[in-house]
């Protein structure tokens, strides 16, 4: 009889975690992706200014306009061309946008290949290779398994790593999705108490902790 009650209790906890994930998960991921892409765009813009790559800047804007107009395939192809021929700033940024367009077009598996290639590219700034793994993790939260997400972002969660706060936020979401709120709270508390955590991430983490605790 006790085993039956334990199983029911475990099912209730998992149901609550799943409801929490559905309510907050996509919002958190969406916000985090915007922040990450904005960061990548800033890095790309810095390289643009330094290298005065006006032609490549125009190509990038044209590709972005295609995506904005809903021409995802054409936009992805345009970004792919720039990712192949661009300078050290635009090449990786274009690859990130190429993958983003592919995901929007329902070609997530192709996007993962782009992320993998970018993550393994030793000729680009570390910010971009780290972003590639992090964005792949965001995609896999919906399209893959939580184990795949954790494997992908494991190196990024270490203290001092680039975007470690966002990576640990995502790690906590994998535990929430799995129903392990105790582990999620442990990770979120570490992020919340880390002085290096950006204010926007800390704010979302605080909200998630409050939601888990039912406050």
Protein backbone atom coordinates (compact mmCIF):
# COMPACT_ATOMS: atom_id res chain seq x y z
CA UNK A 1 0.00 0.00 0.00
CA UNK A 2 2.82 2.40 0.88
CA UNK A 3 4.43 1.75 -2.51
CA UNK A 4 1.20 2.68 -4.25
CA UNK A 5 0.98 5.99 -2.38
CA UNK A 6 4.65 6.70 -3.18
CA UNK A 7 3.99 6.11 -6.87
CA UNK A 8 0.95 8.40 -6.81
CA UNK A 9 2.94 11.09 -4.99
CA UNK A 10 5.73 10.81 -7.57
CA UNK A 11 3.22 11.13 -10.41
CA UNK A 12 1.70 14.23 -8.80
CA UNK A 13 5.14 15.83 -8.50
CA UNK A 14 5.91 15.08 -12.13
CA UNK A 15 2.56 16.52 -13.23
CA UNK A 16 3.25 19.72 -11.29
CA UNK A 17 6.72 20.00 -12.80
CA UNK A 18 5.37 19.45 -16.30
CA UNK A 19 2.75 22.14 -15.73
CA UNK A 20 5.50 24.47 -14.47
CA UNK A 21 7.59 23.74 -17.53
CA UNK A 22 4.69 24.46 -19.86
CA UNK A 23 3.93 27.71 -18.06
CA UNK A 24 7.46 29.06 -17.71
CA UNK A 25 9.85 27.02 -19.84
CA UNK A 26 9.18 28.50 -23.25
CA UNK A 27 9.06 32.02 -21.83
CA UNK A 28 12.44 31.60 -20.17
CA UNK A 29 14.00 30.02 -23.24
CA UNK A 30 12.57 32.72 -25.50
CA UNK A 31 13.92 35.48 -23.29
CA UNK A 32 17.31 33.80 -22.99
CA UNK A 33 17.61 33.27 -26.74
CA UNK A 34 16.87 36.94 -27.40
CA UNK A 35 19.57 37.95 -24.94
CA UNK A 36 22.08 35.51 -26.38
CA UNK A 37 21.39 36.55 -29.97
CA UNK A 38 21.59 40.21 -28.98
CA UNK A 39 24.98 39.52 -27.42
CA UNK A 40 26.16 37.76 -30.56
CA UNK A 41 24.88 40.63 -32.68
CA UNK A 42 26.82 43.09 -30.55
CA UNK A 43 30.00 41.10 -30.98
CA UNK A 44 29.39 40.94 -34.71
CA UNK A 45 28.75 44.68 -34.83
CA UNK A 46 32.02 45.35 -33.04
CA UNK A 47 33.86 43.32 -35.67
CA UNK A 48 31.97 45.17 -38.36
CA UNK A 49 33.08 48.54 -37.04
CA UNK A 50 36.66 47.39 -36.61
CA UNK A 51 36.92 45.88 -40.07
CA UNK A 52 34.68 48.37 -41.88
CA UNK A 53 33.05 45.50 -43.77
CA UNK A 54 30.38 47.55 -45.46
CA UNK A 55 29.71 45.05 -48.21
CA UNK A 56 29.29 42.17 -45.80
CA UNK A 57 27.12 44.39 -43.61
CA UNK A 58 24.79 44.97 -46.56
CA UNK A 59 24.69 41.25 -47.29
CA UNK A 60 23.84 40.52 -43.68
CA UNK A 61 21.03 43.10 -43.68
CA UNK A 62 19.64 41.68 -46.93
CA UNK A 63 19.61 38.14 -45.51
CA UNK A 64 17.91 39.38 -42.33
CA UNK A 65 15.28 41.16 -44.42
CA UNK A 66 14.49 37.92 -46.27
CA UNK A 67 13.93 36.11 -42.97
CA UNK A 68 11.80 38.98 -41.67
CA UNK A 69 9.65 38.71 -44.81
CA UNK A 70 9.07 35.01 -44.11
CA UNK A 71 11.41 33.83 -46.88
CA UNK A 72 13.18 31.49 -44.48
CA UNK A 73 14.82 29.22 -47.05
CA UNK A 74 16.21 32.12 -49.05
CA UNK A 75 17.32 33.87 -45.89
CA UNK A 76 19.07 30.77 -44.58
CA UNK A 77 20.85 30.33 -47.91
CA UNK A 78 21.95 33.98 -47.91
CA UNK A 79 23.28 33.66 -44.37
CA UNK A 80 25.02 30.42 -45.37
CA UNK A 81 26.84 32.22 -48.16
CA UNK A 82 28.03 34.92 -45.78
CA UNK A 83 29.00 32.27 -43.22
CA UNK A 84 31.23 30.77 -45.90
CA UNK A 85 32.86 33.95 -47.18
CA UNK A 86 32.52 36.47 -44.35
CA UNK A 87 35.21 37.88 -42.10
CA UNK A 88 35.94 36.75 -38.55
CA UNK A 89 33.02 38.79 -37.21
CA UNK A 90 30.30 38.15 -39.77
CA UNK A 91 31.10 34.52 -40.59
CA UNK A 92 30.05 33.03 -37.22
CA UNK A 93 27.23 35.52 -36.69
CA UNK A 94 25.79 34.63 -40.09
CA UNK A 95 26.03 30.93 -39.22
CA UNK A 96 24.03 31.53 -36.04
CA UNK A 97 21.35 33.36 -38.00
CA UNK A 98 21.40 30.63 -40.66
CA UNK A 99 20.63 28.04 -37.99
CA UNK A 100 17.93 30.26 -36.50
CA UNK A 101 16.23 30.53 -39.90
CA UNK A 102 16.46 26.78 -40.41
CA UNK A 103 14.76 26.11 -37.08
CA UNK A 104 12.00 28.56 -37.96
CA UNK A 105 11.57 26.70 -41.27
CA UNK A 106 11.24 23.36 -39.47
CA UNK A 107 14.72 22.14 -40.38
CA UNK A 108 16.11 21.80 -36.89
CA UNK A 109 18.33 18.82 -37.70
CA UNK A 110 20.15 20.88 -40.32
CA UNK A 111 20.47 23.70 -37.79
CA UNK A 112 22.15 21.32 -35.33
CA UNK A 113 24.75 20.51 -37.98
CA UNK A 114 25.47 24.23 -38.36
CA UNK A 115 25.75 24.60 -34.58
CA UNK A 116 28.10 21.61 -34.40
CA UNK A 117 30.34 23.02 -37.12
CA UNK A 118 30.42 26.39 -35.42
CA UNK A 119 31.17 24.90 -32.00
CA UNK A 120 34.11 22.99 -33.47
CA UNK A 121 35.53 25.97 -35.39
CA UNK A 122 38.79 26.99 -33.71
CA UNK A 123 39.15 29.98 -36.01
CA UNK A 124 36.37 32.06 -34.42
CA UNK A 125 35.98 33.88 -31.12
CA UNK A 126 35.07 31.72 -28.16
CA UNK A 127 31.83 33.67 -27.68
CA UNK A 128 30.45 32.21 -30.88
CA UNK A 129 31.43 28.58 -30.33
CA UNK A 130 29.93 28.79 -26.84
CA UNK A 131 26.75 30.36 -28.19
CA UNK A 132 26.44 27.59 -30.76
CA UNK A 133 26.31 24.93 -28.04
CA UNK A 134 23.98 27.00 -25.88
CA UNK A 135 21.52 27.69 -28.69
CA UNK A 136 21.62 24.03 -29.68
CA UNK A 137 20.68 23.24 -26.09
CA UNK A 138 17.70 25.60 -26.28
CA UNK A 139 16.51 23.91 -29.46
CA UNK A 140 16.90 20.43 -27.99
CA UNK A 141 14.73 21.34 -25.00
CA UNK A 142 11.74 21.01 -27.33
CA UNK A 143 13.08 18.81 -30.12
CA UNK A 144 15.34 16.42 -28.19
CA UNK A 145 15.71 14.94 -24.74
CA UNK A 146 16.80 16.54 -21.49
CA UNK A 147 19.82 14.22 -21.46
CA UNK A 148 20.88 15.57 -24.86
CA UNK A 149 20.55 19.11 -23.54
CA UNK A 150 22.65 18.36 -20.46
CA UNK A 151 25.34 16.67 -22.54
CA UNK A 152 25.46 19.63 -24.90
CA UNK A 153 25.77 22.34 -22.26
CA UNK A 154 27.81 20.48 -19.60
CA UNK A 155 31.09 22.36 -20.32
CA UNK A 156 29.23 25.69 -20.27
CA UNK A 157 27.86 25.28 -16.75
CA UNK A 158 31.27 25.40 -15.09
CA UNK A 159 31.96 28.51 -12.96
CA UNK A 160 33.70 31.20 -14.97
CA UNK A 161 32.58 29.82 -18.33
CA UNK A 162 31.09 32.17 -20.90
CA UNK A 163 27.32 32.38 -20.49
CA UNK A 164 27.48 30.02 -17.50
CA UNK A 165 24.46 31.70 -15.90
CA UNK A 166 22.29 31.09 -18.99
CA UNK A 167 23.63 27.54 -19.29
CA UNK A 168 22.78 26.77 -15.67
CA UNK A 169 19.36 28.35 -16.08
CA UNK A 170 18.79 25.96 -18.98
CA UNK A 171 20.17 23.08 -16.90
CA UNK A 172 17.61 23.84 -14.19
CA UNK A 173 14.85 23.77 -16.81
CA UNK A 174 15.88 20.26 -17.83
CA UNK A 175 15.39 19.14 -14.23
CA UNK A 176 12.04 20.90 -14.03
CA UNK A 177 10.94 19.15 -17.22
CA UNK A 178 12.06 15.81 -15.74
CA UNK A 179 10.11 16.47 -12.54
CA UNK A 180 13.20 16.82 -10.36
CA UNK A 181 12.35 20.15 -8.74
CA UNK A 182 14.78 19.57 -5.86
CA UNK A 183 17.72 19.43 -8.28
CA UNK A 184 16.33 22.39 -10.22
CA UNK A 185 16.13 24.49 -7.04
CA UNK A 186 19.71 23.56 -6.18
CA UNK A 187 20.99 24.78 -9.55
CA UNK A 188 18.82 27.90 -9.55
CA UNK A 189 19.98 28.84 -6.06
CA UNK A 190 23.60 28.68 -7.21
CA UNK A 191 22.83 30.97 -10.13
CA UNK A 192 20.87 33.35 -7.92
CA UNK A 193 23.69 33.62 -5.38
CA UNK A 194 26.46 34.05 -7.96
CA UNK A 195 27.62 37.67 -8.01
CA UNK A 196 28.59 37.28 -11.68
CA UNK A 197 25.04 36.41 -12.77
CA UNK A 198 23.58 39.15 -15.01
CA UNK A 199 20.58 40.95 -13.53
CA UNK A 200 18.16 39.77 -16.22
CA UNK A 201 19.05 36.12 -15.65
CA UNK A 202 18.91 36.57 -11.88
CA UNK A 203 15.42 38.06 -12.21
CA UNK A 204 14.13 35.09 -14.22
CA UNK A 205 15.78 32.64 -11.82
CA UNK A 206 14.09 34.35 -8.87
CA UNK A 207 10.72 34.03 -10.63
CA UNK A 208 11.31 30.37 -11.37
CA UNK A 209 12.26 29.62 -7.77
CA UNK A 210 9.12 31.38 -6.57
CA UNK A 211 7.01 29.38 -9.03
CA UNK A 212 8.56 26.09 -7.92
CA UNK A 213 7.89 26.93 -4.28
CA UNK A 214 4.34 27.99 -5.09
CA UNK A 215 4.78 31.58 -3.92
